[in-house]
N, C-alpha and C. Protein backbone atom coordinates (compact mmCIF):
# COMPACT_ATOMS: atom_id res chain seq x y z
N MET A 1 0.84 -1.17 0.00
CA MET A 1 0.00 0.00 0.00
C MET A 1 0.88 1.24 0.00
N ILE A 2 0.69 2.06 -0.97
CA ILE A 2 1.48 3.27 -1.10
C ILE A 2 0.62 4.47 -0.74
N ALA A 3 1.21 5.37 0.02
CA ALA A 3 0.49 6.57 0.42
C ALA A 3 0.38 7.51 -0.76
N SER A 4 -0.72 8.21 -0.82
CA SER A 4 -0.89 9.18 -1.89
C SER A 4 -1.49 10.46 -1.31
N THR A 5 -1.29 11.53 -2.06
CA THR A 5 -1.93 12.78 -1.67
C THR A 5 -3.20 12.91 -2.48
N GLY A 6 -4.00 13.77 -2.12
CA GLY A 6 -5.24 13.99 -2.82
C GLY A 6 -5.98 15.15 -2.18
N PHE A 7 -5.43 15.59 -1.08
CA PHE A 7 -6.06 16.68 -0.34
C PHE A 7 -5.03 17.75 -0.01
N GLY A 8 -4.26 18.17 -0.99
CA GLY A 8 -3.25 19.19 -0.74
C GLY A 8 -2.11 18.65 0.11
N ASN A 9 -2.04 19.05 1.38
CA ASN A 9 -0.96 18.64 2.28
C ASN A 9 -1.32 17.40 3.10
N ILE A 10 -2.35 16.71 2.72
CA ILE A 10 -2.79 15.54 3.47
C ILE A 10 -2.48 14.28 2.67
N TYR A 11 -1.84 13.33 3.32
CA TYR A 11 -1.57 12.02 2.73
C TYR A 11 -2.60 11.03 3.24
N GLN A 12 -2.82 10.00 2.43
CA GLN A 12 -3.74 8.95 2.84
C GLN A 12 -3.20 7.60 2.39
N GLN A 13 -3.63 6.57 3.09
CA GLN A 13 -3.24 5.22 2.74
C GLN A 13 -4.38 4.27 3.11
N ARG A 14 -4.79 3.44 2.16
CA ARG A 14 -5.87 2.50 2.42
C ARG A 14 -5.37 1.41 3.37
N LEU A 15 -6.16 1.13 4.39
CA LEU A 15 -5.83 0.07 5.33
C LEU A 15 -6.54 -1.23 4.96
N PHE A 16 -7.81 -1.13 4.59
CA PHE A 16 -8.55 -2.31 4.17
C PHE A 16 -9.87 -1.90 3.54
N PHE A 17 -10.50 -2.86 2.89
CA PHE A 17 -11.84 -2.64 2.36
C PHE A 17 -12.84 -3.07 3.42
N HIS A 18 -13.96 -2.40 3.44
CA HIS A 18 -14.96 -2.56 4.47
C HIS A 18 -16.30 -2.77 3.77
N ASP A 19 -16.97 -3.87 4.08
CA ASP A 19 -18.29 -4.05 3.51
C ASP A 19 -19.28 -4.41 4.61
N LEU A 20 -20.54 -4.29 4.28
CA LEU A 20 -21.60 -4.47 5.25
C LEU A 20 -22.42 -5.71 4.92
N VAL A 21 -22.88 -6.38 5.96
CA VAL A 21 -23.71 -7.58 5.83
C VAL A 21 -24.85 -7.46 6.83
N CYS A 22 -25.77 -8.41 6.76
CA CYS A 22 -26.86 -8.46 7.73
C CYS A 22 -26.55 -9.50 8.79
N LEU A 23 -27.04 -9.26 9.98
CA LEU A 23 -26.90 -10.18 11.10
C LEU A 23 -28.29 -10.53 11.58
N ILE A 24 -28.56 -11.84 11.70
CA ILE A 24 -29.85 -12.30 12.19
C ILE A 24 -29.63 -13.38 13.24
N GLY A 25 -30.63 -13.64 14.05
CA GLY A 25 -30.55 -14.70 15.03
C GLY A 25 -30.54 -16.06 14.36
N ARG A 26 -29.87 -17.03 14.95
CA ARG A 26 -29.83 -18.39 14.38
C ARG A 26 -31.21 -19.01 14.31
N HIS A 27 -32.11 -18.58 15.17
CA HIS A 27 -33.48 -19.11 15.20
C HIS A 27 -34.40 -18.42 14.18
N HIS A 28 -33.92 -17.40 13.52
CA HIS A 28 -34.75 -16.57 12.64
C HIS A 28 -35.40 -17.41 11.54
N GLY A 29 -36.58 -17.02 11.11
CA GLY A 29 -37.32 -17.73 10.08
C GLY A 29 -36.69 -17.69 8.70
N VAL A 30 -35.82 -16.72 8.45
CA VAL A 30 -35.10 -16.67 7.17
C VAL A 30 -34.03 -17.75 7.22
N THR A 31 -34.10 -18.66 6.27
CA THR A 31 -33.19 -19.82 6.34
C THR A 31 -32.11 -19.80 5.28
N GLY A 32 -32.30 -19.07 4.21
CA GLY A 32 -31.32 -19.08 3.13
C GLY A 32 -30.08 -18.26 3.45
N PRO A 33 -29.12 -18.29 2.54
CA PRO A 33 -27.86 -17.55 2.75
C PRO A 33 -27.96 -16.07 2.36
N GLN A 34 -29.12 -15.68 1.80
CA GLN A 34 -29.26 -14.32 1.30
C GLN A 34 -30.68 -13.82 1.52
N LEU A 35 -30.79 -12.53 1.79
CA LEU A 35 -32.10 -11.89 1.94
C LEU A 35 -32.56 -11.35 0.58
N SER A 36 -33.82 -11.53 0.26
CA SER A 36 -34.36 -10.87 -0.92
C SER A 36 -34.55 -9.40 -0.59
N LEU A 37 -34.73 -8.60 -1.62
CA LEU A 37 -34.98 -7.17 -1.39
C LEU A 37 -36.26 -6.98 -0.59
N GLU A 38 -37.29 -7.77 -0.89
CA GLU A 38 -38.55 -7.68 -0.15
C GLU A 38 -38.35 -8.01 1.32
N GLU A 39 -37.60 -9.08 1.61
CA GLU A 39 -37.32 -9.44 3.01
C GLU A 39 -36.55 -8.33 3.70
N PHE A 40 -35.54 -7.81 3.02
CA PHE A 40 -34.72 -6.75 3.58
C PHE A 40 -35.57 -5.55 3.98
N CYS A 41 -36.53 -5.19 3.14
CA CYS A 41 -37.36 -4.01 3.39
C CYS A 41 -38.46 -4.26 4.43
N THR A 42 -38.98 -5.49 4.51
CA THR A 42 -40.11 -5.73 5.41
C THR A 42 -39.70 -6.22 6.80
N LEU A 43 -38.55 -6.86 6.93
CA LEU A 43 -38.12 -7.31 8.25
C LEU A 43 -37.82 -6.10 9.14
N GLU A 44 -37.95 -6.28 10.44
CA GLU A 44 -37.69 -5.20 11.38
C GLU A 44 -36.19 -5.09 11.66
N HIS A 45 -35.67 -3.86 11.58
CA HIS A 45 -34.24 -3.60 11.69
C HIS A 45 -33.86 -2.89 12.98
N VAL A 46 -32.67 -3.21 13.45
CA VAL A 46 -31.98 -2.42 14.46
C VAL A 46 -31.01 -1.54 13.68
N GLN A 47 -31.01 -0.26 13.96
CA GLN A 47 -30.09 0.66 13.28
C GLN A 47 -29.10 1.20 14.29
N VAL A 48 -27.83 1.11 13.93
CA VAL A 48 -26.78 1.69 14.77
C VAL A 48 -26.54 3.12 14.30
N ARG A 49 -26.67 4.06 15.22
CA ARG A 49 -26.45 5.48 14.94
C ARG A 49 -25.20 5.91 15.70
N ASP A 50 -24.04 5.48 15.20
CA ASP A 50 -22.79 5.77 15.90
C ASP A 50 -22.02 6.94 15.32
N GLY A 51 -22.58 7.58 14.31
CA GLY A 51 -21.92 8.74 13.72
C GLY A 51 -20.81 8.39 12.74
N SER A 52 -20.66 7.12 12.39
CA SER A 52 -19.58 6.74 11.49
C SER A 52 -19.90 7.14 10.06
N ARG A 53 -18.87 7.41 9.32
CA ARG A 53 -19.02 7.83 7.92
C ARG A 53 -19.59 6.70 7.07
N SER A 54 -19.22 5.43 7.34
CA SER A 54 -19.73 4.34 6.52
C SER A 54 -21.23 4.16 6.71
N GLN A 55 -21.73 4.35 7.92
CA GLN A 55 -23.17 4.27 8.15
C GLN A 55 -23.89 5.39 7.40
N GLU A 56 -23.31 6.57 7.43
CA GLU A 56 -23.89 7.71 6.72
C GLU A 56 -23.92 7.44 5.22
N MET A 57 -22.83 6.91 4.67
CA MET A 57 -22.77 6.61 3.24
C MET A 57 -23.77 5.51 2.89
N TYR A 58 -23.92 4.53 3.78
CA TYR A 58 -24.86 3.44 3.55
C TYR A 58 -26.29 3.96 3.51
N GLU A 59 -26.66 4.78 4.46
CA GLU A 59 -28.01 5.33 4.48
C GLU A 59 -28.27 6.18 3.24
N SER A 60 -27.28 6.93 2.78
CA SER A 60 -27.41 7.71 1.54
C SER A 60 -27.59 6.80 0.34
N PHE A 61 -26.84 5.70 0.30
CA PHE A 61 -26.96 4.74 -0.79
C PHE A 61 -28.38 4.18 -0.86
N LEU A 62 -28.93 3.77 0.29
CA LEU A 62 -30.29 3.23 0.31
C LEU A 62 -31.29 4.27 -0.18
N ALA A 63 -31.15 5.51 0.28
CA ALA A 63 -32.06 6.57 -0.13
C ALA A 63 -32.00 6.79 -1.64
N GLU A 64 -30.79 6.78 -2.21
CA GLU A 64 -30.62 6.95 -3.66
C GLU A 64 -31.30 5.83 -4.43
N GLN A 65 -31.31 4.62 -3.87
CA GLN A 65 -31.92 3.47 -4.52
C GLN A 65 -33.43 3.39 -4.27
N GLY A 66 -33.94 4.29 -3.44
CA GLY A 66 -35.36 4.27 -3.10
C GLY A 66 -35.72 3.13 -2.16
N ILE A 67 -34.74 2.65 -1.40
CA ILE A 67 -34.95 1.52 -0.48
C ILE A 67 -35.18 2.06 0.92
N LYS A 68 -36.28 1.65 1.51
CA LYS A 68 -36.60 2.10 2.87
C LYS A 68 -36.66 0.88 3.78
N ARG A 69 -35.90 0.94 4.86
CA ARG A 69 -35.90 -0.15 5.84
C ARG A 69 -36.98 0.10 6.89
N ASN A 70 -37.39 -0.97 7.53
CA ASN A 70 -38.36 -0.92 8.61
C ASN A 70 -37.60 -0.87 9.94
N ILE A 71 -37.11 0.31 10.29
CA ILE A 71 -36.29 0.48 11.49
C ILE A 71 -37.21 0.61 12.70
N VAL A 72 -37.04 -0.30 13.66
CA VAL A 72 -37.89 -0.28 14.86
C VAL A 72 -37.09 0.01 16.13
N LEU A 73 -35.76 -0.03 16.02
CA LEU A 73 -34.91 0.23 17.19
C LEU A 73 -33.63 0.88 16.73
N GLN A 74 -33.21 1.93 17.43
CA GLN A 74 -31.93 2.58 17.17
C GLN A 74 -31.07 2.46 18.41
N ILE A 75 -29.80 2.12 18.21
CA ILE A 75 -28.84 2.06 19.30
C ILE A 75 -27.62 2.87 18.89
N SER A 76 -26.79 3.22 19.85
CA SER A 76 -25.67 4.12 19.56
C SER A 76 -24.33 3.41 19.36
N HIS A 77 -24.29 2.09 19.51
CA HIS A 77 -23.04 1.36 19.30
C HIS A 77 -23.34 -0.11 19.00
N TYR A 78 -22.32 -0.83 18.58
CA TYR A 78 -22.48 -2.23 18.19
C TYR A 78 -22.37 -3.20 19.37
N MET A 79 -21.97 -2.76 20.53
CA MET A 79 -21.68 -3.67 21.64
C MET A 79 -22.89 -4.50 22.09
N SER A 80 -24.07 -3.93 22.08
CA SER A 80 -25.26 -4.67 22.52
C SER A 80 -25.94 -5.42 21.38
N MET A 81 -25.43 -5.27 20.19
CA MET A 81 -26.06 -5.86 19.01
C MET A 81 -26.28 -7.37 19.10
N PRO A 82 -25.26 -8.18 19.45
CA PRO A 82 -25.51 -9.63 19.45
C PRO A 82 -26.59 -10.06 20.44
N ALA A 83 -26.66 -9.44 21.60
CA ALA A 83 -27.68 -9.80 22.59
C ALA A 83 -29.07 -9.47 22.08
N ILE A 84 -29.21 -8.36 21.39
CA ILE A 84 -30.50 -7.96 20.84
C ILE A 84 -30.92 -8.90 19.72
N ILE A 85 -30.00 -9.17 18.81
CA ILE A 85 -30.31 -9.98 17.62
C ILE A 85 -30.62 -11.42 18.00
N GLU A 86 -29.83 -12.02 18.90
CA GLU A 86 -30.07 -13.43 19.22
C GLU A 86 -31.36 -13.67 19.99
N ARG A 87 -31.92 -12.64 20.58
CA ARG A 87 -33.14 -12.78 21.39
C ARG A 87 -34.38 -12.19 20.70
N SER A 88 -34.28 -11.90 19.41
CA SER A 88 -35.40 -11.27 18.71
C SER A 88 -35.43 -11.74 17.26
N ASP A 89 -36.40 -11.23 16.53
CA ASP A 89 -36.47 -11.46 15.08
C ASP A 89 -35.99 -10.25 14.31
N LEU A 90 -35.28 -9.35 14.99
CA LEU A 90 -34.74 -8.17 14.33
C LEU A 90 -33.51 -8.55 13.51
N ILE A 91 -33.20 -7.72 12.52
CA ILE A 91 -31.97 -7.88 11.76
C ILE A 91 -31.19 -6.57 11.87
N ALA A 92 -29.91 -6.66 11.56
CA ALA A 92 -29.07 -5.46 11.60
C ALA A 92 -28.11 -5.48 10.43
N VAL A 93 -27.71 -4.32 9.99
CA VAL A 93 -26.67 -4.16 8.99
C VAL A 93 -25.45 -3.63 9.71
N LEU A 94 -24.32 -4.33 9.55
CA LEU A 94 -23.11 -3.93 10.23
C LEU A 94 -21.89 -4.39 9.45
N PRO A 95 -20.70 -3.89 9.81
CA PRO A 95 -19.50 -4.30 9.09
C PRO A 95 -19.27 -5.82 9.17
N ARG A 96 -18.87 -6.40 8.05
CA ARG A 96 -18.62 -7.84 7.98
C ARG A 96 -17.65 -8.30 9.07
N SER A 97 -16.60 -7.54 9.30
CA SER A 97 -15.60 -7.95 10.29
C SER A 97 -16.20 -8.05 11.68
N VAL A 98 -17.07 -7.12 12.04
CA VAL A 98 -17.73 -7.16 13.35
C VAL A 98 -18.74 -8.30 13.39
N ALA A 99 -19.50 -8.47 12.31
CA ALA A 99 -20.51 -9.53 12.25
C ALA A 99 -19.89 -10.91 12.44
N HIS A 100 -18.73 -11.15 11.83
CA HIS A 100 -18.08 -12.46 11.97
C HIS A 100 -17.59 -12.72 13.39
N ILE A 101 -17.18 -11.69 14.08
CA ILE A 101 -16.79 -11.85 15.49
C ILE A 101 -18.02 -12.24 16.31
N TYR A 102 -19.13 -11.55 16.09
CA TYR A 102 -20.36 -11.86 16.83
C TYR A 102 -20.86 -13.27 16.51
N GLU A 103 -20.69 -13.70 15.27
CA GLU A 103 -21.14 -15.02 14.85
C GLU A 103 -20.41 -16.13 15.62
N LYS A 104 -19.18 -15.87 16.02
CA LYS A 104 -18.39 -16.86 16.77
C LYS A 104 -18.81 -16.95 18.23
N HIS A 105 -19.40 -15.89 18.77
CA HIS A 105 -19.64 -15.81 20.22
C HIS A 105 -21.10 -15.67 20.63
N ALA A 106 -22.01 -15.62 19.67
CA ALA A 106 -23.43 -15.46 20.00
C ALA A 106 -24.27 -16.32 19.06
N ALA A 107 -25.52 -16.49 19.38
CA ALA A 107 -26.44 -17.30 18.57
C ALA A 107 -26.98 -16.46 17.42
N VAL A 108 -26.07 -16.02 16.57
CA VAL A 108 -26.41 -15.18 15.43
C VAL A 108 -25.70 -15.72 14.19
N ARG A 109 -26.15 -15.29 13.04
CA ARG A 109 -25.46 -15.68 11.81
C ARG A 109 -25.45 -14.53 10.82
N VAL A 110 -24.47 -14.55 9.95
CA VAL A 110 -24.30 -13.54 8.91
C VAL A 110 -25.11 -13.99 7.70
N ILE A 111 -25.79 -13.05 7.10
CA ILE A 111 -26.55 -13.31 5.89
C ILE A 111 -26.30 -12.17 4.91
N GLU A 112 -26.19 -12.52 3.65
CA GLU A 112 -25.92 -11.51 2.62
C GLU A 112 -27.21 -10.85 2.17
N PRO A 113 -27.25 -9.54 2.12
CA PRO A 113 -28.42 -8.87 1.58
C PRO A 113 -28.35 -8.83 0.05
N ARG A 114 -29.46 -8.91 -0.61
CA ARG A 114 -29.49 -8.77 -2.07
C ARG A 114 -29.30 -7.32 -2.47
N VAL A 115 -29.50 -6.44 -1.53
CA VAL A 115 -29.29 -5.01 -1.79
C VAL A 115 -27.80 -4.84 -2.06
N GLY A 116 -27.46 -4.26 -3.19
CA GLY A 116 -26.05 -4.11 -3.56
C GLY A 116 -25.34 -3.10 -2.69
N ILE A 117 -24.96 -3.51 -1.51
CA ILE A 117 -24.30 -2.59 -0.58
C ILE A 117 -22.88 -2.32 -1.07
N PRO A 118 -22.51 -1.06 -1.25
CA PRO A 118 -21.17 -0.75 -1.75
C PRO A 118 -20.07 -1.13 -0.74
N VAL A 119 -18.89 -1.35 -1.29
CA VAL A 119 -17.70 -1.61 -0.47
C VAL A 119 -17.00 -0.28 -0.24
N TYR A 120 -16.54 -0.07 1.00
CA TYR A 120 -15.88 1.18 1.36
C TYR A 120 -14.41 0.91 1.67
N SER A 121 -13.57 1.89 1.32
CA SER A 121 -12.17 1.82 1.71
C SER A 121 -11.99 2.54 3.04
N LEU A 122 -11.33 1.91 3.98
CA LEU A 122 -10.97 2.59 5.22
C LEU A 122 -9.50 2.98 5.11
N LYS A 123 -9.24 4.23 5.38
CA LYS A 123 -7.91 4.79 5.19
C LYS A 123 -7.45 5.51 6.44
N HIS A 124 -6.14 5.66 6.55
CA HIS A 124 -5.66 6.59 7.56
C HIS A 124 -5.03 7.78 6.84
N HIS A 125 -5.03 8.92 7.51
CA HIS A 125 -4.60 10.18 6.92
C HIS A 125 -3.59 10.86 7.84
N TRP A 126 -2.69 11.63 7.25
CA TRP A 126 -1.75 12.41 8.03
C TRP A 126 -1.30 13.63 7.22
N HIS A 127 -0.82 14.62 7.92
CA HIS A 127 -0.38 15.87 7.30
C HIS A 127 1.02 15.69 6.71
N ALA A 128 1.31 16.45 5.66
CA ALA A 128 2.61 16.38 4.98
C ALA A 128 3.78 16.67 5.92
N ARG A 129 3.57 17.47 6.95
CA ARG A 129 4.68 17.78 7.87
C ARG A 129 5.16 16.53 8.61
N ASN A 130 4.31 15.51 8.68
CA ASN A 130 4.68 14.27 9.36
C ASN A 130 5.15 13.17 8.41
N GLN A 131 5.18 13.47 7.13
CA GLN A 131 5.49 12.45 6.13
C GLN A 131 6.84 11.78 6.38
N LYS A 132 7.86 12.53 6.77
CA LYS A 132 9.20 11.95 6.95
C LYS A 132 9.64 11.87 8.40
N ASP A 133 8.78 12.25 9.31
CA ASP A 133 9.10 12.15 10.74
C ASP A 133 9.29 10.68 11.09
N PRO A 134 10.48 10.28 11.61
CA PRO A 134 10.75 8.86 11.86
C PRO A 134 9.74 8.20 12.80
N ARG A 135 9.29 8.92 13.81
CA ARG A 135 8.31 8.34 14.73
C ARG A 135 6.97 8.12 14.04
N HIS A 136 6.60 9.05 13.21
CA HIS A 136 5.34 8.94 12.48
C HIS A 136 5.42 7.82 11.43
N VAL A 137 6.55 7.75 10.75
CA VAL A 137 6.76 6.67 9.77
C VAL A 137 6.64 5.32 10.47
N TRP A 138 7.29 5.20 11.63
CA TRP A 138 7.22 3.94 12.40
C TRP A 138 5.78 3.61 12.78
N LEU A 139 5.06 4.58 13.30
CA LEU A 139 3.68 4.34 13.72
C LEU A 139 2.81 3.93 12.53
N ARG A 140 2.97 4.59 11.41
CA ARG A 140 2.18 4.22 10.22
C ARG A 140 2.48 2.79 9.79
N LYS A 141 3.75 2.39 9.87
CA LYS A 141 4.10 1.01 9.51
C LYS A 141 3.46 0.01 10.47
N VAL A 142 3.43 0.34 11.74
CA VAL A 142 2.79 -0.53 12.72
C VAL A 142 1.29 -0.67 12.42
N VAL A 143 0.64 0.44 12.17
CA VAL A 143 -0.80 0.42 11.86
C VAL A 143 -1.07 -0.39 10.60
N VAL A 144 -0.32 -0.15 9.55
CA VAL A 144 -0.49 -0.90 8.30
C VAL A 144 -0.24 -2.39 8.54
N GLY A 145 0.77 -2.71 9.34
CA GLY A 145 1.07 -4.11 9.65
C GLY A 145 -0.06 -4.82 10.38
N ILE A 146 -0.68 -4.12 11.31
CA ILE A 146 -1.81 -4.69 12.05
C ILE A 146 -2.95 -5.05 11.10
N PHE A 147 -3.26 -4.13 10.20
CA PHE A 147 -4.36 -4.39 9.27
C PHE A 147 -3.97 -5.40 8.20
N ALA A 148 -2.70 -5.48 7.84
CA ALA A 148 -2.27 -6.47 6.86
C ALA A 148 -2.41 -7.88 7.44
N GLU A 149 -2.15 -8.04 8.74
CA GLU A 149 -2.29 -9.35 9.40
C GLU A 149 -3.74 -9.78 9.48
N ALA A 150 -4.62 -8.80 9.66
CA ALA A 150 -6.05 -9.10 9.78
C ALA A 150 -6.61 -9.52 8.44
């Protein structure tokens, strides 16, 4: 991964790609590996309102497609998500990496939505004044290494 500029004095480097999936309880009536658009729109959703840019972009994408979810519960973080999902018929849209962690530790499963959810790049950014600073270079290498291992 090579750093590039694109914002004047700001450098950026992609750390990984980020995509979203649905999470449902293992007991849920949906049995297939994928949700139809009709199921996606009619099932009751938990929405995470954590202020993240990917959630904002996702909601904009749905609006552009004319897709409206049946949101019945809003929460401010992902930490309570597995407990809510495994004890209800609600579904949630969340990052694949988080969903797979929950799938290992709770009675939930990942399901692919038929809604063409875009893939997002997660990047880190820094100012040009730090581009050659040895401590900053070291830290960026550590961060990139952590995400490369994942």
